[in-house]
Amino acid sequence: MLIKLNILIALFTSFLFAETKVATQFNISQWFSTAVSNHWVLLAIILIVSILFITTFLLKGKISIKLPGGTGFDIDSSGKINKIPENPHAKCPYAIDFRHAFTKTTYVVSKISEIKYKGRLEEQMNYIGEQFVNIRTLYQKVYLEKLKSKLKDKNEIYTEDKYLYQDYRYYQAIIKLMIHDMESVIRASFINNHLLSYELDDYQRYIDLKFNVIKALEIDFIDTMYIGEWVITRDEIFEIHKNNRDELQKIIIDVYMRARKIAFNKNEEIKQLENEIQEYMNSTVGNNIKIEKISSTK
């Protein structure tokens, strides 16, 4: 078939060249020249269509032509025409219901996945970030007050150039890294979403366990990072953190209790979505189809 198409294009092209030559030699009228120009446009269209057909044929080994109603035909390399059978569901009066059900189910499943794997954890971690700003501010405030007090006792003049950009900035960097590690520990305990699996008393003990882990991390971080000669000694920095550990514990308890509440609320959202899609399926395709539970009640 492709050979026949190429021969047809070649003959048509030769005809146009002949027309052009005749028009040039005998000074044919303007209307005939316009006709020849129109033939060139037609040739360009035929060439473009031919290129598309040839490209499709080379890629697929056949050319498919679809007609309204789901029917059509294929043309293979030998030129044989094969009819495409009609879609058996094309005239089904309930096909549109199933398509709507599929679309809505896909939307609900994606929404549930977004809540489970992003929305819940994101809301929990945002709250942690807000609360840890308070503990970071507290540590830095106490450190700066202690720094000014020691400089005053030594009869030294507190200057930003000498101390604010040395001792205080160094301590700021340590606190920033330490809190980042604390957030990572807490985040790891939120990812598995097992917060609702505990009874309240057991959950309190779980929070105490996590606080001890974070306290150990704090002590180890200060011991490892706060080295060198500084106005505030290592013993004094340990004392600062020890005196404010109750405040840190309050924040840890608060973020874990809030995380449990967020987990509960998000699970309720998931259940509501599941009920919504189940009711929709019942009203469209019948109540014999049951939606599997996508949410986790852990």
C-alpha atoms as a PDB file:
ATOM      1  CA  MET A   1       0.000   0.000   0.000  1.00  0.00           C
ATOM      2  CA  LEU A   2       2.848   2.379   0.803  1.00  0.00           C
ATOM      3  CA  ILE A   3       4.326   1.757  -2.657  1.00  0.00           C
ATOM      4  CA  LYS A   4       1.010   2.636  -4.304  1.00  0.00           C
ATOM      5  CA  LEU A   5       0.799   5.804  -2.206  1.00  0.00           C
ATOM      6  CA  ASN A   6       4.313   6.870  -3.198  1.00  0.00           C
ATOM      7  CA  ILE A   7       3.541   6.259  -6.911  1.00  0.00           C
ATOM      8  CA  LEU A   8       0.390   8.390  -6.608  1.00  0.00           C
ATOM      9  CA  ILE A   9       2.334  11.231  -5.020  1.00  0.00           C
ATOM     10  CA  ALA A  10       5.028  11.010  -7.720  1.00  0.00           C
ATOM     11  CA  LEU A  11       2.456  11.154 -10.549  1.00  0.00           C
ATOM     12  CA  PHE A  12       0.669  14.086  -8.958  1.00  0.00           C
ATOM     13  CA  THR A  13       3.961  15.944  -8.496  1.00  0.00           C
ATOM     14  CA  SER A  14       4.942  15.375 -12.150  1.00  0.00           C
ATOM     15  CA  PHE A  15       1.559  16.697 -13.233  1.00  0.00           C
ATOM     16  CA  LEU A  16       2.061  19.879 -11.226  1.00  0.00           C
ATOM     17  CA  PHE A  17       5.526  20.461 -12.665  1.00  0.00           C
ATOM     18  CA  ALA A  18       4.090  20.040 -16.171  1.00  0.00           C
ATOM     19  CA  GLU A  19       1.312  22.521 -15.422  1.00  0.00           C
ATOM     20  CA  THR A  20       3.823  25.030 -14.094  1.00  0.00           C
ATOM     21  CA  LYS A  21       6.024  24.690 -17.202  1.00  0.00           C
ATOM     22  CA  VAL A  22       3.088  25.134 -19.578  1.00  0.00           C
ATOM     23  CA  ALA A  23       1.856  28.166 -17.659  1.00  0.00           C
ATOM     24  CA  THR A  24       5.317  29.762 -17.883  1.00  0.00           C
ATOM     25  CA  GLN A  25       5.872  29.101 -21.634  1.00  0.00           C
ATOM     26  CA  PHE A  26       2.470  30.167 -22.929  1.00  0.00           C
ATOM     27  CA  ASN A  27       1.731  32.963 -20.430  1.00  0.00           C
ATOM     28  CA  ILE A  28      -1.584  31.415 -19.353  1.00  0.00           C
ATOM     29  CA  SER A  29      -4.082  33.663 -17.644  1.00  0.00           C
ATOM     30  CA  GLN A  30      -4.059  34.501 -13.958  1.00  0.00           C
ATOM     31  CA  TRP A  31      -6.947  32.170 -13.060  1.00  0.00           C
ATOM     32  CA  PHE A  32      -4.980  29.158 -14.325  1.00  0.00           C
ATOM     33  CA  SER A  33      -1.901  30.188 -12.311  1.00  0.00           C
ATOM     34  CA  THR A  34      -4.088  30.393  -9.231  1.00  0.00           C
ATOM     35  CA  ALA A  35      -5.358  26.893  -9.933  1.00  0.00           C
ATOM     36  CA  VAL A  36      -1.791  25.633 -10.185  1.00  0.00           C
ATOM     37  CA  SER A  37      -0.987  27.306  -6.814  1.00  0.00           C
ATOM     38  CA  ASN A  38      -3.991  25.598  -5.270  1.00  0.00           C
ATOM     39  CA  HIS A  39      -2.668  22.285  -6.556  1.00  0.00           C
ATOM     40  CA  TRP A  40       0.602  22.934  -4.774  1.00  0.00           C
ATOM     41  CA  VAL A  41      -1.311  23.516  -1.522  1.00  0.00           C
ATOM     42  CA  LEU A  42      -3.152  20.266  -2.085  1.00  0.00           C
ATOM     43  CA  LEU A  43       0.157  18.499  -2.701  1.00  0.00           C
ATOM     44  CA  ALA A  44       1.554  19.864   0.575  1.00  0.00           C
ATOM     45  CA  ILE A  45      -1.476  18.552   2.462  1.00  0.00           C
ATOM     46  CA  ILE A  46      -1.115  15.141   0.810  1.00  0.00           C
ATOM     47  CA  LEU A  47       2.580  15.039   1.708  1.00  0.00           C
ATOM     48  CA  ILE A  48       1.907  15.880   5.363  1.00  0.00           C
ATOM     49  CA  VAL A  49      -0.803  13.235   5.616  1.00  0.00           C
ATOM     50  CA  SER A  50       1.467  10.718   3.889  1.00  0.00           C
ATOM     51  CA  ILE A  51       4.310  11.414   6.315  1.00  0.00           C
ATOM     52  CA  LEU A  52       1.962  10.901   9.270  1.00  0.00           C
ATOM     53  CA  PHE A  53       0.686   7.631   7.826  1.00  0.00           C
ATOM     54  CA  ILE A  54       4.189   6.373   7.059  1.00  0.00           C
ATOM     55  CA  THR A  55       5.469   7.311  10.544  1.00  0.00           C
ATOM     56  CA  THR A  56       2.527   5.565  12.209  1.00  0.00           C
ATOM     57  CA  PHE A  57       3.080   2.507  10.018  1.00  0.00           C
ATOM     58  CA  LEU A  58       6.798   2.310  10.825  1.00  0.00           C
ATOM     59  CA  LEU A  59       6.158   2.595  14.553  1.00  0.00           C
ATOM     60  CA  LYS A  60       3.167   0.251  14.841  1.00  0.00           C
ATOM     61  CA  GLY A  61       3.387  -1.931  11.723  1.00  0.00           C
ATOM     62  CA  LYS A  62      -0.145  -0.937  10.808  1.00  0.00           C
ATOM     63  CA  ILE A  63      -2.437   2.048  10.398  1.00  0.00           C
ATOM     64  CA  SER A  64      -5.588   2.257  12.531  1.00  0.00           C
ATOM     65  CA  ILE A  65      -8.566   4.433  11.641  1.00  0.00           C
ATOM     66  CA  LYS A  66     -11.209   4.901  14.335  1.00  0.00           C
ATOM     67  CA  LEU A  67     -14.820   5.713  13.518  1.00  0.00           C
ATOM     68  CA  PRO A  68     -17.635   7.012  15.773  1.00  0.00           C
ATOM     69  CA  GLY A  69     -19.193   4.341  17.982  1.00  0.00           C
ATOM     70  CA  GLY A  70     -15.934   2.578  18.774  1.00  0.00           C
ATOM     71  CA  THR A  71     -15.615   0.853  15.363  1.00  0.00           C
ATOM     72  CA  GLY A  72     -12.965   1.291  12.691  1.00  0.00           C
ATOM     73  CA  PHE A  73     -10.436  -0.673  10.685  1.00  0.00           C
ATOM     74  CA  ASP A  74      -6.713  -1.504  10.474  1.00  0.00           C
ATOM     75  CA  ILE A  75      -4.553  -1.540   7.332  1.00  0.00           C
ATOM     76  CA  ASP A  76      -1.511  -3.832   7.590  1.00  0.00           C
ATOM     77  CA  SER A  77       1.671  -3.857   5.466  1.00  0.00           C
ATOM     78  CA  SER A  78       0.096  -6.072   2.799  1.00  0.00           C
ATOM     79  CA  GLY A  79      -2.758  -3.651   2.317  1.00  0.00           C
ATOM     80  CA  LYS A  80      -5.287  -5.952   3.961  1.00  0.00           C
ATOM     81  CA  ILE A  81      -8.135  -4.172   5.703  1.00  0.00           C
ATOM     82  CA  ASN A  82      -9.222  -5.630   9.074  1.00  0.00           C
ATOM     83  CA  LYS A  83     -12.354  -4.340  10.776  1.00  0.00           C
ATOM     84  CA  ILE A  84     -12.077  -3.308  14.425  1.00  0.00           C
ATOM     85  CA  PRO A  85     -14.941  -4.865  16.398  1.00  0.00           C
ATOM     86  CA  GLU A  86     -17.322  -2.547  18.199  1.00  0.00           C
ATOM     87  CA  ASN A  87     -16.756  -1.992  21.922  1.00  0.00           C
ATOM     88  CA  PRO A  88     -19.307  -4.248  23.660  1.00  0.00           C
ATOM     89  CA  HIS A  89     -19.760  -1.662  26.448  1.00  0.00           C
ATOM     90  CA  ALA A  90     -20.226   1.328  24.155  1.00  0.00           C
ATOM     91  CA  LYS A  91     -24.033   1.074  24.169  1.00  0.00           C
ATOM     92  CA  CYS A  92     -24.377  -0.172  27.755  1.00  0.00           C
ATOM     93  CA  PRO A  93     -26.786   2.181  29.608  1.00  0.00           C
ATOM     94  CA  TYR A  94     -24.822   1.677  32.856  1.00  0.00           C
ATOM     95  CA  ALA A  95     -21.339   2.284  31.450  1.00  0.00           C
ATOM     96  CA  ILE A  96     -21.423   5.954  32.450  1.00  0.00           C
ATOM     97  CA  ASP A  97     -22.244   4.987  36.043  1.00  0.00           C
ATOM     98  CA  PHE A  98     -19.186   2.762  36.249  1.00  0.00           C
ATOM     99  CA  ARG A  99     -16.998   5.477  34.753  1.00  0.00           C
ATOM    100  CA  HIS A 100     -18.271   7.981  37.311  1.00  0.00           C
ATOM    101  CA  ALA A 101     -17.761   5.432  40.093  1.00  0.00           C
ATOM    102  CA  PHE A 102     -14.193   4.792  38.943  1.00  0.00           C
ATOM    103  CA  THR A 103     -13.422   8.526  38.808  1.00  0.00           C
ATOM    104  CA  LYS A 104     -14.858   9.223  42.238  1.00  0.00           C
ATOM    105  CA  THR A 105     -13.177   6.165  43.787  1.00  0.00           C
ATOM    106  CA  THR A 106      -9.826   7.252  42.351  1.00  0.00           C
ATOM    107  CA  TYR A 107     -10.295  10.721  43.833  1.00  0.00           C
ATOM    108  CA  VAL A 108     -11.230   9.368  47.282  1.00  0.00           C
ATOM    109  CA  VAL A 109      -8.345   6.881  47.346  1.00  0.00           C
ATOM    110  CA  SER A 110      -5.864   9.627  46.422  1.00  0.00           C
ATOM    111  CA  LYS A 111      -7.333  11.869  49.128  1.00  0.00           C
ATOM    112  CA  ILE A 112      -7.005   9.105  51.734  1.00  0.00           C
ATOM    113  CA  SER A 113      -3.418   8.431  50.657  1.00  0.00           C
ATOM    114  CA  GLU A 114      -2.619  12.127  50.968  1.00  0.00           C
ATOM    115  CA  ILE A 115      -3.979  12.166  54.535  1.00  0.00           C
ATOM    116  CA  LYS A 116      -2.201   8.955  55.553  1.00  0.00           C
ATOM    117  CA  TYR A 117       1.222   9.595  54.059  1.00  0.00           C
ATOM    118  CA  LYS A 118       1.526  13.370  54.038  1.00  0.00           C
ATOM    119  CA  GLY A 119      -1.212  15.421  55.665  1.00  0.00           C
ATOM    120  CA  ARG A 120      -1.176  13.740  59.067  1.00  0.00           C
ATOM    121  CA  LEU A 121       2.601  13.778  59.543  1.00  0.00           C
ATOM    122  CA  GLU A 122       2.906  17.261  58.099  1.00  0.00           C
ATOM    123  CA  GLU A 123       0.422  18.704  60.598  1.00  0.00           C
ATOM    124  CA  GLN A 124       2.126  16.901  63.492  1.00  0.00           C
ATOM    125  CA  MET A 125       5.580  18.148  62.512  1.00  0.00           C
ATOM    126  CA  ASN A 126       4.368  21.709  61.971  1.00  0.00           C
ATOM    127  CA  TYR A 127       3.164  21.782  65.562  1.00  0.00           C
ATOM    128  CA  ILE A 128       6.495  20.422  66.797  1.00  0.00           C
ATOM    129  CA  GLY A 129       8.327  23.161  64.909  1.00  0.00           C
ATOM    130  CA  GLU A 130       6.167  25.827  66.534  1.00  0.00           C
ATOM    131  CA  GLN A 131       6.769  24.476  70.055  1.00  0.00           C
ATOM    132  CA  PHE A 132      10.496  23.942  69.638  1.00  0.00           C
ATOM    133  CA  VAL A 133      10.871  27.597  68.735  1.00  0.00           C
ATOM    134  CA  ASN A 134       9.878  28.305  72.341  1.00  0.00           C
ATOM    135  CA  ILE A 135      12.477  25.970  73.876  1.00  0.00           C
ATOM    136  CA  ARG A 136      15.205  27.276  71.540  1.00  0.00           C
ATOM    137  CA  THR A 137      14.338  30.862  72.482  1.00  0.00           C
ATOM    138  CA  LEU A 138      14.390  29.966  76.180  1.00  0.00           C
ATOM    139  CA  TYR A 139      17.834  28.324  76.003  1.00  0.00           C
ATOM    140  CA  GLN A 140      19.313  31.235  74.067  1.00  0.00           C
ATOM    141  CA  LYS A 141      17.810  33.813  76.421  1.00  0.00           C
ATOM    142  CA  VAL A 142      19.182  32.105  79.524  1.00  0.00           C
ATOM    143  CA  TYR A 143      22.595  31.667  77.888  1.00  0.00           C
ATOM    144  CA  LEU A 144      22.805  35.337  76.883  1.00  0.00           C
ATOM    145  CA  GLU A 145      21.808  36.505  80.380  1.00  0.00           C
ATOM    146  CA  LYS A 146      24.440  34.229  81.891  1.00  0.00           C
ATOM    147  CA  LEU A 147      27.033  35.519  79.447  1.00  0.00           C
ATOM    148  CA  LYS A 148      26.338  39.160  80.313  1.00  0.00           C
ATOM    149  CA  SER A 149      26.393  38.371  84.042  1.00  0.00           C
ATOM    150  CA  LYS A 150      29.786  36.683  83.873  1.00  0.00           C
ATOM    151  CA  LEU A 151      31.286  39.491  81.830  1.00  0.00           C
ATOM    152  CA  LYS A 152      29.978  42.003  84.385  1.00  0.00           C
ATOM    153  CA  ASP A 153      31.495  40.016  87.265  1.00  0.00           C
ATOM    154  CA  LYS A 154      34.828  40.075  85.468  1.00  0.00           C
ATOM    155  CA  ASN A 155      34.531  43.832  84.962  1.00  0.00           C
ATOM    156  CA  GLU A 156      34.619  43.245  81.200  1.00  0.00           C
ATOM    157  CA  ILE A 157      32.588  45.363  78.824  1.00  0.00           C
ATOM    158  CA  TYR A 158      30.001  43.376  76.881  1.00  0.00           C
ATOM    159  CA  THR A 159      30.484  44.064  73.183  1.00  0.00           C
ATOM    160  CA  GLU A 160      28.663  42.511  70.283  1.00  0.00           C
ATOM    161  CA  ASP A 161      31.813  42.255  68.195  1.00  0.00           C
ATOM    162  CA  LYS A 162      33.739  40.168  70.687  1.00  0.00           C
ATOM    163  CA  TYR A 163      31.116  37.948  72.325  1.00  0.00           C
ATOM    164  CA  LEU A 164      27.817  38.045  70.462  1.00  0.00           C
ATOM    165  CA  TYR A 165      29.489  36.785  67.310  1.00  0.00           C
ATOM    166  CA  GLN A 166      31.669  34.266  69.136  1.00  0.00           C
ATOM    167  CA  ASP A 167      30.257  32.578  72.228  1.00  0.00           C
ATOM    168  CA  TYR A 168      26.602  33.361  71.634  1.00  0.00           C
ATOM    169  CA  ARG A 169      26.607  32.549  67.908  1.00  0.00           C
ATOM    170  CA  TYR A 170      28.435  29.293  68.541  1.00  0.00           C
ATOM    171  CA  TYR A 171      25.875  28.309  71.166  1.00  0.00           C
ATOM    172  CA  GLN A 172      23.038  29.230  68.759  1.00  0.00           C
ATOM    173  CA  ALA A 173      24.466  26.848  66.178  1.00  0.00           C
ATOM    174  CA  ILE A 174      24.691  24.027  68.725  1.00  0.00           C
ATOM    175  CA  ILE A 175      21.063  24.505  69.816  1.00  0.00           C
ATOM    176  CA  LYS A 176      19.849  24.578  66.235  1.00  0.00           C
ATOM    177  CA  LEU A 177      21.547  21.263  65.425  1.00  0.00           C
ATOM    178  CA  MET A 178      20.425  19.690  68.689  1.00  0.00           C
ATOM    179  CA  ILE A 179      16.770  20.562  68.158  1.00  0.00           C
ATOM    180  CA  HIS A 180      16.962  19.257  64.591  1.00  0.00           C
ATOM    181  CA  ASP A 181      18.066  15.878  65.974  1.00  0.00           C
ATOM    182  CA  MET A 182      15.280  15.972  68.574  1.00  0.00           C
ATOM    183  CA  GLU A 183      12.715  16.594  65.845  1.00  0.00           C
ATOM    184  CA  SER A 184      14.111  13.644  63.875  1.00  0.00           C
ATOM    185  CA  VAL A 185      13.641  11.314  66.874  1.00  0.00           C
ATOM    186  CA  ILE A 186      10.043  12.459  67.338  1.00  0.00           C
ATOM    187  CA  ARG A 187       9.295  12.309  63.619  1.00  0.00           C
ATOM    188  CA  ALA A 188      10.432   8.684  63.465  1.00  0.00           C
ATOM    189  CA  SER A 189       7.920   7.782  66.181  1.00  0.00           C
ATOM    190  CA  PHE A 190       5.117   9.538  64.260  1.00  0.00           C
ATOM    191  CA  ILE A 191       5.768   7.909  60.872  1.00  0.00           C
ATOM    192  CA  ASN A 192       4.497   4.464  61.915  1.00  0.00           C
ATOM    193  CA  ASN A 193       1.287   6.061  63.241  1.00  0.00           C
ATOM    194  CA  HIS A 194       0.890   3.712  66.202  1.00  0.00           C
ATOM    195  CA  LEU A 195      -0.005   6.474  68.648  1.00  0.00           C
ATOM    196  CA  LEU A 196      -3.640   5.398  68.911  1.00  0.00           C
ATOM    197  CA  SER A 197      -2.749   1.782  69.671  1.00  0.00           C
ATOM    198  CA  TYR A 198      -1.900   2.693  73.288  1.00  0.00           C
ATOM    199  CA  GLU A 199      -4.310   3.098  76.157  1.00  0.00           C
ATOM    200  CA  LEU A 200      -3.909   6.483  77.830  1.00  0.00           C
ATOM    201  CA  ASP A 201      -1.791   5.176  80.746  1.00  0.00           C
ATOM    202  CA  ASP A 202       0.445   3.226  78.404  1.00  0.00           C
ATOM    203  CA  TYR A 203       0.761   6.268  76.197  1.00  0.00           C
ATOM    204  CA  GLN A 204       1.930   8.361  79.134  1.00  0.00           C
ATOM    205  CA  ARG A 205       4.652   5.804  79.789  1.00  0.00           C
ATOM    206  CA  TYR A 206       5.533   5.847  76.100  1.00  0.00           C
ATOM    207  CA  ILE A 207       5.957   9.646  76.256  1.00  0.00           C
ATOM    208  CA  ASP A 208       8.199   9.313  79.332  1.00  0.00           C
ATOM    209  CA  LEU A 209      10.340   6.827  77.423  1.00  0.00           C
ATOM    210  CA  LYS A 210      10.670   9.206  74.499  1.00  0.00           C
ATOM    211  CA  PHE A 211      11.532  12.084  76.809  1.00  0.00           C
ATOM    212  CA  ASN A 212      14.374  10.054  78.334  1.00  0.00           C
ATOM    213  CA  VAL A 213      15.693   9.393  74.821  1.00  0.00           C
ATOM    214  CA  ILE A 214      15.565  13.098  73.988  1.00  0.00           C
ATOM    215  CA  LYS A 215      17.173  14.040  77.325  1.00  0.00           C
ATOM    216  CA  ALA A 216      20.046  11.641  76.653  1.00  0.00           C
ATOM    217  CA  LEU A 217      20.427  13.145  73.191  1.00  0.00           C
ATOM    218  CA  GLU A 218      20.575  16.638  74.694  1.00  0.00           C
ATOM    219  CA  ILE A 219      23.263  15.701  77.221  1.00  0.00           C
ATOM    220  CA  ASP A 220      25.345  13.880  74.618  1.00  0.00           C
ATOM    221  CA  PHE A 221      25.050  16.776  72.160  1.00  0.00           C
ATOM    222  CA  ILE A 222      26.269  19.365  74.669  1.00  0.00           C
ATOM    223  CA  ASP A 223      29.063  17.061  75.826  1.00  0.00           C
ATOM    224  CA  THR A 224      30.239  16.473  72.259  1.00  0.00           C
ATOM    225  CA  MET A 225      29.766  19.916  70.719  1.00  0.00           C
ATOM    226  CA  TYR A 226      30.421  22.408  73.536  1.00  0.00           C
ATOM    227  CA  ILE A 227      34.190  22.206  73.617  1.00  0.00           C
ATOM    228  CA  GLY A 228      36.956  24.793  73.734  1.00  0.00           C
ATOM    229  CA  GLU A 229      37.559  27.916  75.790  1.00  0.00           C
ATOM    230  CA  TRP A 230      34.352  29.903  76.272  1.00  0.00           C
ATOM    231  CA  VAL A 231      33.205  32.465  78.811  1.00  0.00           C
ATOM    232  CA  ILE A 232      30.506  30.036  80.023  1.00  0.00           C
ATOM    233  CA  THR A 233      32.127  26.759  81.026  1.00  0.00           C
ATOM    234  CA  ARG A 234      30.917  23.243  80.210  1.00  0.00           C
ATOM    235  CA  ASP A 235      29.719  22.740  83.793  1.00  0.00           C
ATOM    236  CA  GLU A 236      27.719  25.947  83.605  1.00  0.00           C
ATOM    237  CA  ILE A 237      26.112  25.046  80.280  1.00  0.00           C
ATOM    238  CA  PHE A 238      25.094  21.657  81.654  1.00  0.00           C
ATOM    239  CA  GLU A 239      23.557  23.450  84.647  1.00  0.00           C
ATOM    240  CA  ILE A 240      21.605  25.783  82.340  1.00  0.00           C
ATOM    241  CA  HIS A 241      20.057  22.859  80.497  1.00  0.00           C
ATOM    242  CA  LYS A 242      19.358  20.918  83.678  1.00  0.00           C
ATOM    243  CA  ASN A 243      17.515  23.859  85.231  1.00  0.00           C
ATOM    244  CA  ASN A 244      15.275  24.173  82.147  1.00  0.00           C
ATOM    245  CA  ARG A 245      14.640  20.472  81.591  1.00  0.00           C
ATOM    246  CA  ASP A 246      11.175  20.651  83.130  1.00  0.00           C
ATOM    247  CA  GLU A 247      10.184  23.115  80.427  1.00  0.00           C
ATOM    248  CA  LEU A 248      11.559  20.771  77.775  1.00  0.00           C
ATOM    249  CA  GLN A 249       9.545  17.898  79.263  1.00  0.00           C
ATOM    250  CA  LYS A 250       6.345  19.946  79.162  1.00  0.00           C
ATOM    251  CA  ILE A 251       6.894  20.629  75.471  1.00  0.00           C
ATOM    252  CA  ILE A 252       7.599  16.956  74.709  1.00  0.00           C
ATOM    253  CA  ILE A 253       4.408  15.879  76.500  1.00  0.00           C
ATOM    254  CA  ASP A 254       2.433  18.572  74.697  1.00  0.00           C
ATOM    255  CA  VAL A 255       3.633  17.645  71.188  1.00  0.00           C
ATOM    256  CA  TYR A 256       2.958  13.933  71.742  1.00  0.00           C
ATOM    257  CA  MET A 257      -0.524  14.554  73.086  1.00  0.00           C
ATOM    258  CA  ARG A 258      -1.274  16.884  70.181  1.00  0.00           C
ATOM    259  CA  ALA A 259       0.101  14.324  67.717  1.00  0.00           C
ATOM    260  CA  ARG A 260      -2.265  11.694  69.139  1.00  0.00           C
ATOM    261  CA  LYS A 261      -5.208  14.069  68.721  1.00  0.00           C
ATOM    262  CA  ILE A 262      -4.183  14.861  65.134  1.00  0.00           C
ATOM    263  CA  ALA A 263      -3.906  11.127  64.364  1.00  0.00           C
ATOM    264  CA  PHE A 264      -7.407  10.549  65.739  1.00  0.00           C
ATOM    265  CA  ASN A 265      -8.894  13.423  63.726  1.00  0.00           C
ATOM    266  CA  LYS A 266      -7.213  12.281  60.524  1.00  0.00           C
ATOM    267  CA  ASN A 267      -8.465   8.713  60.998  1.00  0.00           C
ATOM    268  CA  GLU A 268     -11.975  10.107  61.383  1.00  0.00           C
ATOM    269  CA  GLU A 269     -11.549  12.005  58.115  1.00  0.00           C
ATOM    270  CA  ILE A 270     -10.489   8.774  56.405  1.00  0.00           C
ATOM    271  CA  LYS A 271     -13.491   6.879  57.786  1.00  0.00           C
ATOM    272  CA  GLN A 272     -15.801   9.636  56.572  1.00  0.00           C
ATOM    273  CA  LEU A 273     -14.321   9.420  53.078  1.00  0.00           C
ATOM    274  CA  GLU A 274     -14.692   5.631  53.065  1.00  0.00           C
ATOM    275  CA  ASN A 275     -18.340   5.897  54.104  1.00  0.00           C
ATOM    276  CA  GLU A 276     -18.921   8.535  51.448  1.00  0.00           C
ATOM    277  CA  ILE A 277     -17.571   6.374  48.621  1.00  0.00           C
ATOM    278  CA  GLN A 278     -19.405   3.291  49.937  1.00  0.00           C
ATOM    279  CA  GLU A 279     -22.713   5.159  49.930  1.00  0.00           C
ATOM    280  CA  TYR A 280     -21.994   6.441  46.439  1.00  0.00           C
ATOM    281  CA  MET A 281     -21.200   2.947  45.166  1.00  0.00           C
ATOM    282  CA  ASN A 282     -24.382   1.602  46.747  1.00  0.00           C
ATOM    283  CA  SER A 283     -26.472   4.254  45.001  1.00  0.00           C
ATOM    284  CA  THR A 284     -24.891   3.790  41.578  1.00  0.00           C
ATOM    285  CA  VAL A 285     -23.723   0.201  41.050  1.00  0.00           C
ATOM    286  CA  GLY A 286     -25.501  -1.609  43.885  1.00  0.00           C
ATOM    287  CA  ASN A 287     -24.684  -2.654  47.441  1.00  0.00           C
ATOM    288  CA  ASN A 288     -22.977  -5.887  46.452  1.00  0.00           C
ATOM    289  CA  ILE A 289     -19.673  -4.066  46.021  1.00  0.00           C
ATOM    290  CA  LYS A 290     -17.841  -3.431  49.290  1.00  0.00           C
ATOM    291  CA  ILE A 291     -15.084  -0.892  49.615  1.00  0.00           C
ATOM    292  CA  GLU A 292     -12.055  -2.354  51.368  1.00  0.00           C
ATOM    293  CA  LYS A 293     -10.859  -0.452  54.403  1.00  0.00           C
ATOM    294  CA  ILE A 294      -8.048   1.797  53.335  1.00  0.00           C
ATOM    295  CA  SER A 295      -7.512   3.575  56.639  1.00  0.00           C
ATOM    296  CA  SER A 296      -5.575   2.265  59.592  1.00  0.00           C
ATOM    297  CA  THR A 297      -7.114   2.480  63.045  1.00  0.00           C
ATOM    298  CA  LYS A 298      -3.815   1.965  64.779  1.00  0.00           C
END
